[in-house]
């Protein structure tokens, strides 16, 4: 059976990278068409040039979204809740459209590790992922259509790339300043590793759609190494050759840091996620790793912090222009690695 895939929020870094990976030689022979659903189609011109078909999505046109999904003929959708103040509403719009279209039987959702441990009062941004998960699971039980026949939820951990936001601070003062306390740890995962898992799941095939290995699965992904602040700073020092010390800071100091002009390119929803995740770390809710699924799915080992920082050592030594990382830059010795 042929596979036709739709990626939502393709204008974001996560959706963009996964689309690039799917369009690479490693995966492009495993599906027939790839559609990118986006709020900002101008950011997906390069993906169109690579062979993706772009679908512009407008909040004010739910009927148009349903029709676009029907016209695409896609049987598989990867839903990425966008980095937006109204994340829950946008995710619901897509889920309703999937149900109304009735033609998409494979539904894969990107959720967040820690969502089940987050509190509504203190981590509402992360907690709302559980609401999105619940509504997607209901999709497969609604009846009347084939929507949601095969479902898979991927809870991705804290992206290691978020730590690159602090490169200027490291270069200026030799400090990695995070509001995570001195005791607890977390296990950052490279976005490229998440992309590999997602791509393998989306092209998998089984009797009901997705491979039975993934159908109905809730997969939590973290990096392979738990690190506290001191250990993260040590990994930066070793990889980049820059003496770096960890400094625990308050929530207020963290907000002032990310709201300064130096970090003006960080969107408010992204800042909110970071603040809430750091609070999960302080509360001791991230002292675990979850990597058992990674090797069986990808055939590779996930990247640890020392490898990640080694790949980005130049970012801590010079002042490179922030840029989009392409899938070609994930290549090393003929195999995919994280960027």
Protein backbone atom coordinates (compact mmCIF):
# COMPACT_ATOMS: atom_id res chain seq x y z
CA UNK A 1 0.00 0.00 0.00
CA UNK A 2 1.31 3.45 -0.92
CA UNK A 3 1.91 6.01 1.81
CA UNK A 4 1.02 9.70 1.54
CA UNK A 5 2.10 11.88 4.46
CA UNK A 6 1.05 15.29 5.77
CA UNK A 7 3.26 17.23 8.22
CA UNK A 8 1.65 20.07 10.19
CA UNK A 9 3.46 23.20 11.42
CA UNK A 10 6.06 22.60 8.73
CA UNK A 11 7.18 26.21 8.98
CA UNK A 12 8.67 25.55 12.42
CA UNK A 13 12.12 24.11 13.08
CA UNK A 14 10.80 20.68 14.08
CA UNK A 15 8.43 20.27 11.14
CA UNK A 16 10.98 21.67 8.72
CA UNK A 17 13.71 19.27 9.79
CA UNK A 18 11.44 16.20 9.75
CA UNK A 19 10.24 17.13 6.25
CA UNK A 20 13.83 17.49 5.04
CA UNK A 21 14.73 14.13 6.50
CA UNK A 22 11.75 12.43 4.87
CA UNK A 23 12.71 13.95 1.51
CA UNK A 24 16.29 12.67 1.83
CA UNK A 25 17.52 9.59 -0.02
CA UNK A 26 17.12 7.52 3.14
CA UNK A 27 13.33 7.85 3.22
CA UNK A 28 11.89 9.36 0.03
CA UNK A 29 11.41 5.99 -1.66
CA UNK A 30 9.15 4.84 1.19
CA UNK A 31 6.19 7.11 0.42
CA UNK A 32 4.54 8.59 -2.65
CA UNK A 33 3.69 12.16 -1.64
CA UNK A 34 4.55 14.56 1.17
CA UNK A 35 2.35 17.52 2.09
CA UNK A 36 3.28 20.38 4.41
CA UNK A 37 0.45 22.07 6.28
CA UNK A 38 1.58 25.53 7.34
CA UNK A 39 0.38 28.85 8.69
CA UNK A 40 3.32 30.57 6.97
CA UNK A 41 3.82 29.07 3.50
CA UNK A 42 6.53 31.60 2.66
CA UNK A 43 8.77 29.76 5.13
CA UNK A 44 8.37 26.49 3.23
CA UNK A 45 9.55 27.52 -0.23
CA UNK A 46 12.72 25.48 0.12
CA UNK A 47 10.67 22.40 1.04
CA UNK A 48 8.56 22.90 -2.09
CA UNK A 49 11.77 23.00 -4.08
CA UNK A 50 12.74 19.65 -2.57
CA UNK A 51 9.46 18.07 -3.65
CA UNK A 52 6.98 18.74 -0.85
CA UNK A 53 3.51 20.06 -1.64
CA UNK A 54 2.58 23.07 0.48
CA UNK A 55 -0.91 23.53 1.95
CA UNK A 56 -1.57 26.98 3.40
CA UNK A 57 -3.72 26.78 6.53
CA UNK A 58 -5.88 29.69 7.69
CA UNK A 59 -7.43 29.78 11.16
CA UNK A 60 -10.58 31.38 9.79
CA UNK A 61 -11.25 28.63 7.25
CA UNK A 62 -11.87 25.27 8.97
CA UNK A 63 -13.93 24.01 6.02
CA UNK A 64 -11.05 24.82 3.70
CA UNK A 65 -8.69 22.80 5.87
CA UNK A 66 -10.99 19.78 5.72
CA UNK A 67 -11.22 20.05 1.95
CA UNK A 68 -7.44 20.45 1.61
CA UNK A 69 -6.87 17.25 3.59
CA UNK A 70 -9.40 15.40 1.45
CA UNK A 71 -7.90 16.70 -1.78
CA UNK A 72 -4.39 15.76 -0.71
CA UNK A 73 -5.28 12.10 -0.42
CA UNK A 74 -2.94 11.82 2.56
CA UNK A 75 -3.48 8.71 4.67
CA UNK A 76 -0.99 9.65 7.38
CA UNK A 77 -0.61 12.87 9.37
CA UNK A 78 2.03 14.01 11.80
CA UNK A 79 0.57 16.64 14.11
CA UNK A 80 2.97 19.14 15.66
CA UNK A 81 1.17 21.53 18.02
CA UNK A 82 2.62 24.89 16.93
CA UNK A 83 4.68 27.19 19.15
CA UNK A 84 1.78 29.56 19.53
CA UNK A 85 -0.14 31.19 22.36
CA UNK A 86 -3.23 29.28 21.19
CA UNK A 87 -1.50 25.92 20.74
CA UNK A 88 -4.46 23.92 22.07
CA UNK A 89 -6.97 25.62 19.81
CA UNK A 90 -4.83 25.11 16.71
CA UNK A 91 -4.25 21.44 17.54
CA UNK A 92 -7.98 20.95 18.03
CA UNK A 93 -8.66 22.56 14.65
CA UNK A 94 -6.39 20.03 12.96
CA UNK A 95 -7.89 17.08 14.86
CA UNK A 96 -11.42 18.17 13.95
CA UNK A 97 -10.38 18.49 10.32
CA UNK A 98 -8.84 15.01 10.36
CA UNK A 99 -12.09 13.61 11.76
CA UNK A 100 -14.22 15.50 9.25
CA UNK A 101 -12.04 14.54 6.29
CA UNK A 102 -12.34 10.87 7.26
CA UNK A 103 -9.53 9.81 4.93
CA UNK A 104 -6.53 9.88 7.28
CA UNK A 105 -6.22 6.67 9.25
CA UNK A 106 -2.67 7.04 10.60
CA UNK A 107 -2.34 9.84 13.15
CA UNK A 108 0.96 10.52 14.90
CA UNK A 109 1.20 13.26 17.51
CA UNK A 110 4.28 15.05 18.80
CA UNK A 111 3.71 15.69 22.49
CA UNK A 112 6.00 16.66 25.36
CA UNK A 113 7.78 14.52 27.92
CA UNK A 114 6.73 15.64 31.38
CA UNK A 115 3.22 16.59 30.30
CA UNK A 116 1.73 13.97 32.60
CA UNK A 117 3.74 15.30 35.56
CA UNK A 118 3.08 18.98 34.89
CA UNK A 119 0.60 20.83 37.09
CA UNK A 120 -2.21 22.92 35.67
CA UNK A 121 -1.38 25.87 37.95
CA UNK A 122 2.40 25.90 37.62
CA UNK A 123 3.08 24.34 34.19
CA UNK A 124 -0.11 24.99 32.18
CA UNK A 125 1.70 25.29 28.83
CA UNK A 126 3.20 21.79 29.14
CA UNK A 127 0.11 20.33 30.81
CA UNK A 128 -2.09 21.19 27.83
CA UNK A 129 -0.30 18.53 25.80
CA UNK A 130 -2.25 15.95 27.82
CA UNK A 131 -5.47 17.56 26.58
CA UNK A 132 -4.29 17.30 22.99
CA UNK A 133 -3.31 13.66 23.56
CA UNK A 134 -6.75 12.89 25.01
CA UNK A 135 -8.60 14.46 22.12
CA UNK A 136 -6.49 12.56 19.62
CA UNK A 137 -7.17 9.26 21.39
CA UNK A 138 -10.89 10.04 21.28
CA UNK A 139 -10.56 10.52 17.53
CA UNK A 140 -10.01 6.82 17.02
CA UNK A 141 -13.11 5.96 19.02
CA UNK A 142 -15.50 8.47 17.48
CA UNK A 143 -16.78 6.06 14.84
CA UNK A 144 -18.25 6.81 11.46
CA UNK A 145 -14.93 7.28 9.63
CA UNK A 146 -11.56 5.62 9.33
CA UNK A 147 -9.89 8.58 11.06
CA UNK A 148 -7.49 7.61 13.79
CA UNK A 149 -7.43 3.87 13.06
CA UNK A 150 -3.71 3.83 13.81
CA UNK A 151 -2.40 6.22 16.41
CA UNK A 152 0.96 6.87 17.98
CA UNK A 153 2.00 9.51 20.50
CA UNK A 154 5.62 10.60 20.78
CA UNK A 155 6.53 12.56 23.90
CA UNK A 156 9.78 14.33 23.12
CA UNK A 157 12.00 15.56 25.92
CA UNK A 158 13.83 18.85 26.29
CA UNK A 159 15.61 19.68 23.04
CA UNK A 160 19.36 20.04 23.50
CA UNK A 161 19.21 22.86 20.94
CA UNK A 162 17.49 25.00 23.57
CA UNK A 163 20.82 25.12 25.41
CA UNK A 164 22.37 26.89 22.41
CA UNK A 165 20.28 29.91 23.35
CA UNK A 166 22.80 30.54 26.13
CA UNK A 167 25.88 30.54 23.91
CA UNK A 168 26.30 34.33 24.16
CA UNK A 169 26.24 34.15 27.94
CA UNK A 170 28.85 31.40 27.93
CA UNK A 171 31.12 33.35 25.57
CA UNK A 172 30.75 36.60 27.47
CA UNK A 173 30.97 35.49 31.11
CA UNK A 174 31.90 31.80 31.01
CA UNK A 175 28.60 30.98 32.73
CA UNK A 176 25.77 28.62 31.88
CA UNK A 177 22.93 30.23 33.81
CA UNK A 178 19.80 28.10 34.23
CA UNK A 179 17.02 28.14 36.88
CA UNK A 180 17.17 24.41 37.57
CA UNK A 181 18.61 24.21 41.07
CA UNK A 182 21.74 22.38 42.19
CA UNK A 183 20.36 18.88 42.79
CA UNK A 184 18.15 17.53 40.03
CA UNK A 185 18.95 16.42 36.50
CA UNK A 186 17.36 16.10 33.07
CA UNK A 187 18.33 14.33 29.84
CA UNK A 188 18.34 16.67 26.81
CA UNK A 189 17.68 15.06 23.44
CA UNK A 190 18.91 16.38 20.10
CA UNK A 191 16.13 17.40 17.74
CA UNK A 192 17.78 15.35 15.02
CA UNK A 193 17.28 12.23 17.12
CA UNK A 194 13.58 13.00 17.49
CA UNK A 195 13.37 13.50 13.72
CA UNK A 196 14.86 10.06 13.07
CA UNK A 197 12.30 8.33 15.27
CA UNK A 198 9.41 10.25 13.72
CA UNK A 199 10.51 9.54 10.15
CA UNK A 200 10.87 5.81 10.76
CA UNK A 201 7.41 5.63 12.33
CA UNK A 202 5.70 7.64 9.57
CA UNK A 203 6.98 5.38 6.79
CA UNK A 204 6.37 2.13 8.70
CA UNK A 205 3.68 -0.18 7.35
CA UNK A 206 1.45 -2.82 8.86
CA UNK A 207 -1.87 -4.53 8.25
CA UNK A 208 -3.88 -1.64 9.69
CA UNK A 209 -1.65 1.18 8.47
CA UNK A 210 1.35 1.92 10.66
CA UNK A 211 3.51 -0.98 11.72
CA UNK A 212 2.06 -2.96 14.61
CA UNK A 213 5.26 -2.06 16.49
CA UNK A 214 4.01 1.53 16.71
CA UNK A 215 0.24 1.29 16.51
CA UNK A 216 -1.25 2.51 19.79
CA UNK A 217 2.15 3.22 21.31
CA UNK A 218 3.00 6.04 23.70
CA UNK A 219 6.72 6.63 23.20
CA UNK A 220 8.75 8.88 25.48
CA UNK A 221 12.08 10.10 24.14
CA UNK A 222 14.92 11.65 26.11
CA UNK A 223 18.63 11.82 25.62
CA UNK A 224 20.81 8.99 26.99
CA UNK A 225 22.45 10.95 29.80
CA UNK A 226 20.99 12.69 32.84
CA UNK A 227 22.85 15.89 33.61
CA UNK A 228 22.62 18.49 36.31
CA UNK A 229 23.78 22.04 35.70
CA UNK A 230 27.38 21.39 36.73
CA UNK A 231 27.61 18.37 34.41
CA UNK A 232 26.16 20.32 31.49
CA UNK A 233 28.68 23.11 32.00
CA UNK A 234 31.47 20.53 32.15
CA UNK A 235 30.28 19.02 28.85
CA UNK A 236 30.42 22.46 27.24
CA UNK A 237 33.91 23.09 28.62
CA UNK A 238 35.23 19.76 27.37
CA UNK A 239 33.64 19.92 23.93
CA UNK A 240 34.23 23.58 23.11
CA UNK A 241 37.44 24.17 25.04
CA UNK A 242 35.83 27.11 26.80
CA UNK A 243 35.95 27.24 30.59
CA UNK A 244 32.29 27.20 31.61
CA UNK A 245 30.75 27.19 35.06
CA UNK A 246 27.14 26.55 36.02
CA UNK A 247 25.18 29.19 37.88
CA UNK A 248 21.75 28.49 39.32
CA UNK A 249 19.53 31.54 38.91
CA UNK A 250 16.04 32.54 39.98
CA UNK A 251 12.94 32.49 37.79
CA UNK A 252 13.04 36.27 37.63
CA UNK A 253 16.66 36.29 36.51
CA UNK A 254 15.91 33.62 33.89
CA UNK A 255 13.06 35.70 32.50
CA UNK A 256 15.18 38.82 32.42
CA UNK A 257 17.88 36.88 30.60
CA UNK A 258 15.59 35.53 27.87
CA UNK A 259 13.69 38.80 27.56
CA UNK A 260 16.83 40.84 26.96
CA UNK A 261 17.66 42.13 23.49
CA UNK A 262 20.27 39.40 23.17
CA UNK A 263 17.51 36.79 23.10
CA UNK A 264 14.92 38.81 21.17
CA UNK A 265 14.48 36.05 18.57
CA UNK A 266 12.91 33.67 21.13
CA UNK A 267 9.11 33.67 20.86
CA UNK A 268 6.98 34.07 23.98
CA UNK A 269 5.45 30.55 23.76
CA UNK A 270 8.96 29.09 23.54
CA UNK A 271 10.05 31.10 26.57
CA UNK A 272 7.04 29.88 28.51
CA UNK A 273 7.86 26.27 27.69
CA UNK A 274 11.45 26.75 28.85
CA UNK A 275 10.43 28.35 32.15
CA UNK A 276 7.92 25.59 32.85
CA UNK A 277 10.32 22.80 31.96
CA UNK A 278 12.99 24.27 34.20
CA UNK A 279 10.45 24.25 37.03
CA UNK A 280 9.84 20.53 36.37
CA UNK A 281 13.58 19.98 36.75
CA UNK A 282 13.65 21.86 40.05
CA UNK A 283 10.74 19.76 41.30
CA UNK A 284 12.65 16.55 40.56
CA UNK A 285 10.24 15.40 37.84
CA UNK A 286 12.86 14.92 35.12
CA UNK A 287 15.31 12.58 36.85
CA UNK A 288 14.93 9.78 34.30
CA UNK A 289 15.97 8.67 30.84
CA UNK A 290 13.80 6.95 28.25
CA UNK A 291 15.85 5.49 25.40
CA UNK A 292 14.73 1.85 25.12
CA UNK A 293 12.71 2.59 21.96
CA UNK A 294 15.39 4.58 20.17
CA UNK A 295 17.84 1.91 18.98
CA UNK A 296 15.16 -0.60 17.85
CA UNK A 297 13.45 2.14 15.81
CA UNK A 298 16.49 3.86 14.28
CA UNK A 299 19.26 1.28 14.48
CA UNK A 300 21.51 3.92 16.05
CA UNK A 301 22.42 5.25 19.47
CA UNK A 302 21.08 8.65 20.56
CA UNK A 303 23.52 11.52 20.92
CA UNK A 304 24.80 12.37 24.38
CA UNK A 305 25.52 15.95 25.55
CA UNK A 306 29.27 15.73 24.99
CA UNK A 307 28.73 14.72 21.35
CA UNK A 308 26.11 17.41 20.89
CA UNK A 309 28.28 20.20 22.26
CA UNK A 310 31.25 18.95 20.26
CA UNK A 311 29.24 19.38 17.08
CA UNK A 312 28.39 22.92 18.18
CA UNK A 313 31.75 23.91 19.63
CA UNK A 314 32.10 26.79 17.14
CA UNK A 315 28.92 28.37 18.48
CA UNK A 316 30.57 28.83 21.85
CA UNK A 317 33.82 30.19 20.42
CA UNK A 318 32.67 32.69 17.80
CA UNK A 319 29.54 34.64 17.01
CA UNK A 320 27.99 32.75 14.12
CA UNK A 321 24.87 34.03 12.48
CA UNK A 322 21.87 32.08 13.68
CA UNK A 323 20.61 30.05 10.76
CA UNK A 324 18.41 27.16 9.78
CA UNK A 325 20.22 23.82 9.89
CA UNK A 326 19.54 21.65 6.86
CA UNK A 327 19.28 17.91 6.76
CA UNK A 328 22.51 17.75 4.74
CA UNK A 329 24.35 19.09 7.78
CA UNK A 330 23.16 16.09 9.75
CA UNK A 331 25.29 13.84 7.54
CA UNK A 332 28.50 12.33 8.88
CA UNK A 333 30.38 9.48 7.28
CA UNK A 334 27.34 8.65 5.18
CA UNK A 335 24.86 8.32 8.03
CA UNK A 336 22.47 10.65 9.74
CA UNK A 337 23.43 12.26 12.99
CA UNK A 338 21.96 15.17 14.87
CA UNK A 339 22.68 18.75 14.08
